[in-house]
């Protein structure tokens, strides 16, 4: 988004830096509350929500490019939404990979998952920049479609997950406090 924001939308380098700061700050601030929110919830729903947040962010960027008076506000909202989506996604995905991996291969599974994330971050700009040079709206709409499909496909994964892996675990202390709370009712 930074080259597009600067070259096509006329956003200054300083304001682009603030967009990146807003994204990073969102991740730093939202990560723990989202992890807490995820406890005991369906993992695939959390992953689908993350994907759909990415869809919303892409649509906000397209709206910013449509020449609205709220260009920077739309980009700022998109940067924040991506940060929140990132937290939803990583909060459930990495522990799911750890739960599904055989104990002796857990490190390899985790490394493969981490590598796949970075491969995507390395390849996407190469293809995205080409599409962006042809049509910025097409580039972000294509990304939105990919994220939409990913969110929908995440929901179909639940049937293939073992029952023990469908929910994000709760810390052991949380379970004990819930038992105690239920006994007092």
Protein backbone atom coordinates (compact mmCIF):
# COMPACT_ATOMS: atom_id res chain seq x y z
CA UNK A 1 0.00 0.00 0.00
CA UNK A 2 2.75 2.60 0.68
CA UNK A 3 3.83 3.04 -2.97
CA UNK A 4 0.19 3.25 -4.06
CA UNK A 5 -0.65 5.73 -1.31
CA UNK A 6 2.29 7.95 -2.23
CA UNK A 7 2.28 7.70 -6.03
CA UNK A 8 -1.43 7.49 -6.79
CA UNK A 9 -3.15 9.06 -3.80
CA UNK A 10 -0.59 11.76 -2.99
CA UNK A 11 -0.09 10.76 0.65
CA UNK A 12 3.17 12.11 2.07
CA UNK A 13 5.96 9.85 3.30
CA UNK A 14 5.38 11.10 6.85
CA UNK A 15 1.71 10.14 6.76
CA UNK A 16 2.59 6.74 5.27
CA UNK A 17 4.98 6.26 8.17
CA UNK A 18 2.10 7.00 10.53
CA UNK A 19 0.00 4.36 8.74
CA UNK A 20 2.75 1.81 9.36
CA UNK A 21 3.01 2.96 12.97
CA UNK A 22 -0.77 2.64 13.39
CA UNK A 23 -0.62 -0.93 12.06
CA UNK A 24 2.27 -1.90 14.34
CA UNK A 25 0.72 -0.19 17.36
CA UNK A 26 -2.59 -1.95 16.69
CA UNK A 27 -0.85 -5.32 16.72
CA UNK A 28 1.04 -4.44 19.91
CA UNK A 29 -2.08 -3.22 21.72
CA UNK A 30 -4.65 -5.68 20.37
CA UNK A 31 -2.69 -8.91 20.49
CA UNK A 32 -3.27 -9.82 24.15
CA UNK A 33 -6.93 -8.79 24.32
CA UNK A 34 -7.65 -10.74 21.13
CA UNK A 35 -5.80 -13.76 22.49
CA UNK A 36 -7.98 -13.54 25.60
CA UNK A 37 -11.10 -13.15 23.46
CA UNK A 38 -10.12 -16.24 21.45
CA UNK A 39 -9.99 -18.50 24.50
CA UNK A 40 -12.59 -21.24 24.21
CA UNK A 41 -13.81 -20.03 20.80
CA UNK A 42 -13.90 -21.89 17.50
CA UNK A 43 -10.57 -21.48 15.77
CA UNK A 44 -11.92 -21.59 12.24
CA UNK A 45 -14.34 -18.77 12.98
CA UNK A 46 -11.50 -16.64 14.30
CA UNK A 47 -9.46 -17.37 11.14
CA UNK A 48 -12.46 -16.57 8.93
CA UNK A 49 -13.01 -13.29 10.79
CA UNK A 50 -9.37 -12.40 10.21
CA UNK A 51 -9.71 -13.06 6.49
CA UNK A 52 -12.85 -10.99 6.29
CA UNK A 53 -11.11 -8.14 8.10
CA UNK A 54 -8.49 -8.26 5.34
CA UNK A 55 -11.35 -8.08 2.82
CA UNK A 56 -12.68 -4.99 4.58
CA UNK A 57 -9.23 -3.41 4.58
CA UNK A 58 -8.83 -4.02 0.84
CA UNK A 59 -12.22 -2.47 0.17
CA UNK A 60 -11.27 0.56 2.26
CA UNK A 61 -8.15 1.02 0.14
CA UNK A 62 -10.26 0.76 -3.03
CA UNK A 63 -12.63 3.36 -1.57
CA UNK A 64 -9.68 5.63 -0.79
CA UNK A 65 -8.63 5.39 -4.43
CA UNK A 66 -12.11 6.31 -5.61
CA UNK A 67 -11.33 9.94 -4.80
CA UNK A 68 -13.28 10.37 -1.60
CA UNK A 69 -12.52 13.23 0.75
CA UNK A 70 -11.58 10.68 3.39
CA UNK A 71 -8.55 9.15 1.65
CA UNK A 72 -6.27 9.17 4.68
CA UNK A 73 -9.03 8.11 7.09
CA UNK A 74 -9.84 5.12 4.86
CA UNK A 75 -6.15 4.15 4.65
CA UNK A 76 -5.75 4.54 8.42
CA UNK A 77 -8.83 2.38 9.06
CA UNK A 78 -7.44 -0.21 6.62
CA UNK A 79 -4.05 -0.27 8.37
CA UNK A 80 -5.73 -0.75 11.75
CA UNK A 81 -8.09 -3.42 10.40
CA UNK A 82 -5.17 -5.37 8.93
CA UNK A 83 -3.45 -5.24 12.34
CA UNK A 84 -6.54 -6.57 14.11
CA UNK A 85 -7.01 -9.26 11.46
CA UNK A 86 -3.38 -10.25 11.85
CA UNK A 87 -3.92 -10.72 15.58
CA UNK A 88 -7.05 -12.85 15.04
CA UNK A 89 -5.22 -14.99 12.51
CA UNK A 90 -1.97 -15.64 14.35
CA UNK A 91 -3.67 -16.08 17.73
CA UNK A 92 -5.40 -19.22 16.53
CA UNK A 93 -3.31 -20.50 13.63
CA UNK A 94 0.05 -21.10 15.28
CA UNK A 95 -1.39 -22.93 18.32
CA UNK A 96 -3.55 -24.98 15.93
CA UNK A 97 -0.47 -26.02 13.97
CA UNK A 98 1.24 -26.97 17.24
CA UNK A 99 -1.78 -29.02 18.33
CA UNK A 100 -2.05 -30.86 15.01
CA UNK A 101 1.66 -31.62 14.64
CA UNK A 102 3.03 -34.94 15.87
CA UNK A 103 5.19 -34.27 18.94
CA UNK A 104 8.43 -35.28 17.22
CA UNK A 105 7.77 -33.02 14.23
CA UNK A 106 6.25 -30.00 15.98
CA UNK A 107 9.30 -27.79 15.36
CA UNK A 108 9.30 -28.59 11.67
CA UNK A 109 5.57 -27.91 11.38
CA UNK A 110 5.96 -24.57 13.16
CA UNK A 111 8.95 -23.63 10.99
CA UNK A 112 7.06 -24.56 7.82
CA UNK A 113 4.11 -22.43 8.87
CA UNK A 114 6.38 -19.49 9.67
CA UNK A 115 8.21 -19.90 6.38
CA UNK A 116 4.95 -19.99 4.43
CA UNK A 117 3.96 -16.65 5.99
CA UNK A 118 7.26 -15.06 4.95
CA UNK A 119 7.19 -16.58 1.47
CA UNK A 120 3.82 -14.95 0.96
CA UNK A 121 5.15 -11.62 2.19
CA UNK A 122 8.10 -11.92 -0.20
CA UNK A 123 6.16 -13.03 -3.29
CA UNK A 124 3.06 -10.88 -2.95
CA UNK A 125 4.80 -7.54 -3.60
CA UNK A 126 6.32 -8.84 -6.83
CA UNK A 127 2.98 -9.90 -8.26
CA UNK A 128 1.02 -7.17 -6.52
CA UNK A 129 3.28 -4.43 -7.88
CA UNK A 130 2.70 -5.64 -11.44
CA UNK A 131 -1.06 -5.69 -10.97
CA UNK A 132 -0.92 -2.40 -9.08
CA UNK A 133 0.81 -0.75 -12.04
CA UNK A 134 -2.01 -1.90 -14.33
CA UNK A 135 -4.96 -1.18 -12.03
CA UNK A 136 -4.76 -0.39 -8.31
CA UNK A 137 -8.45 -1.17 -7.84
CA UNK A 138 -7.98 -4.55 -9.53
CA UNK A 139 -4.99 -5.35 -7.31
CA UNK A 140 -6.88 -4.66 -4.08
CA UNK A 141 -10.09 -6.26 -5.33
CA UNK A 142 -8.12 -9.39 -6.29
CA UNK A 143 -6.59 -9.44 -2.80
CA UNK A 144 -10.08 -9.03 -1.33
CA UNK A 145 -11.38 -11.98 -3.36
CA UNK A 146 -8.47 -14.17 -2.26
CA UNK A 147 -9.08 -13.24 1.39
CA UNK A 148 -12.83 -13.81 1.01
CA UNK A 149 -12.24 -17.29 -0.40
CA UNK A 150 -9.68 -18.01 2.34
CA UNK A 151 -12.19 -17.00 5.01
CA UNK A 152 -14.90 -19.19 3.53
CA UNK A 153 -12.52 -22.12 3.13
CA UNK A 154 -11.36 -21.75 6.74
CA UNK A 155 -14.89 -22.53 7.86
CA UNK A 156 -14.84 -25.79 5.89
CA UNK A 157 -11.73 -26.95 7.75
CA UNK A 158 -13.58 -27.53 10.99
CA UNK A 159 -15.07 -30.85 9.86
CA UNK A 160 -11.55 -32.22 9.37
CA UNK A 161 -10.22 -31.08 12.74
CA UNK A 162 -10.12 -33.44 15.70
CA UNK A 163 -12.67 -32.39 18.33
CA UNK A 164 -9.89 -31.52 20.78
CA UNK A 165 -8.45 -28.97 18.31
CA UNK A 166 -11.61 -27.12 17.33
CA UNK A 167 -11.58 -24.63 20.18
CA UNK A 168 -8.78 -22.39 21.29
CA UNK A 169 -7.66 -23.70 24.67
CA UNK A 170 -8.27 -21.81 27.87
CA UNK A 171 -5.45 -21.43 30.36
CA UNK A 172 -5.63 -24.01 33.13
CA UNK A 173 -6.25 -21.32 35.74
CA UNK A 174 -9.22 -20.00 33.76
CA UNK A 175 -10.82 -23.43 33.78
CA UNK A 176 -10.40 -23.75 37.55
CA UNK A 177 -11.90 -20.32 38.17
CA UNK A 178 -14.89 -21.22 35.96
CA UNK A 179 -15.42 -24.44 37.93
CA UNK A 180 -15.28 -22.48 41.18
CA UNK A 181 -17.68 -19.88 39.79
CA UNK A 182 -20.14 -22.55 38.69
CA UNK A 183 -20.05 -24.16 42.15
CA UNK A 184 -21.01 -20.87 43.79
CA UNK A 185 -24.09 -20.44 41.60
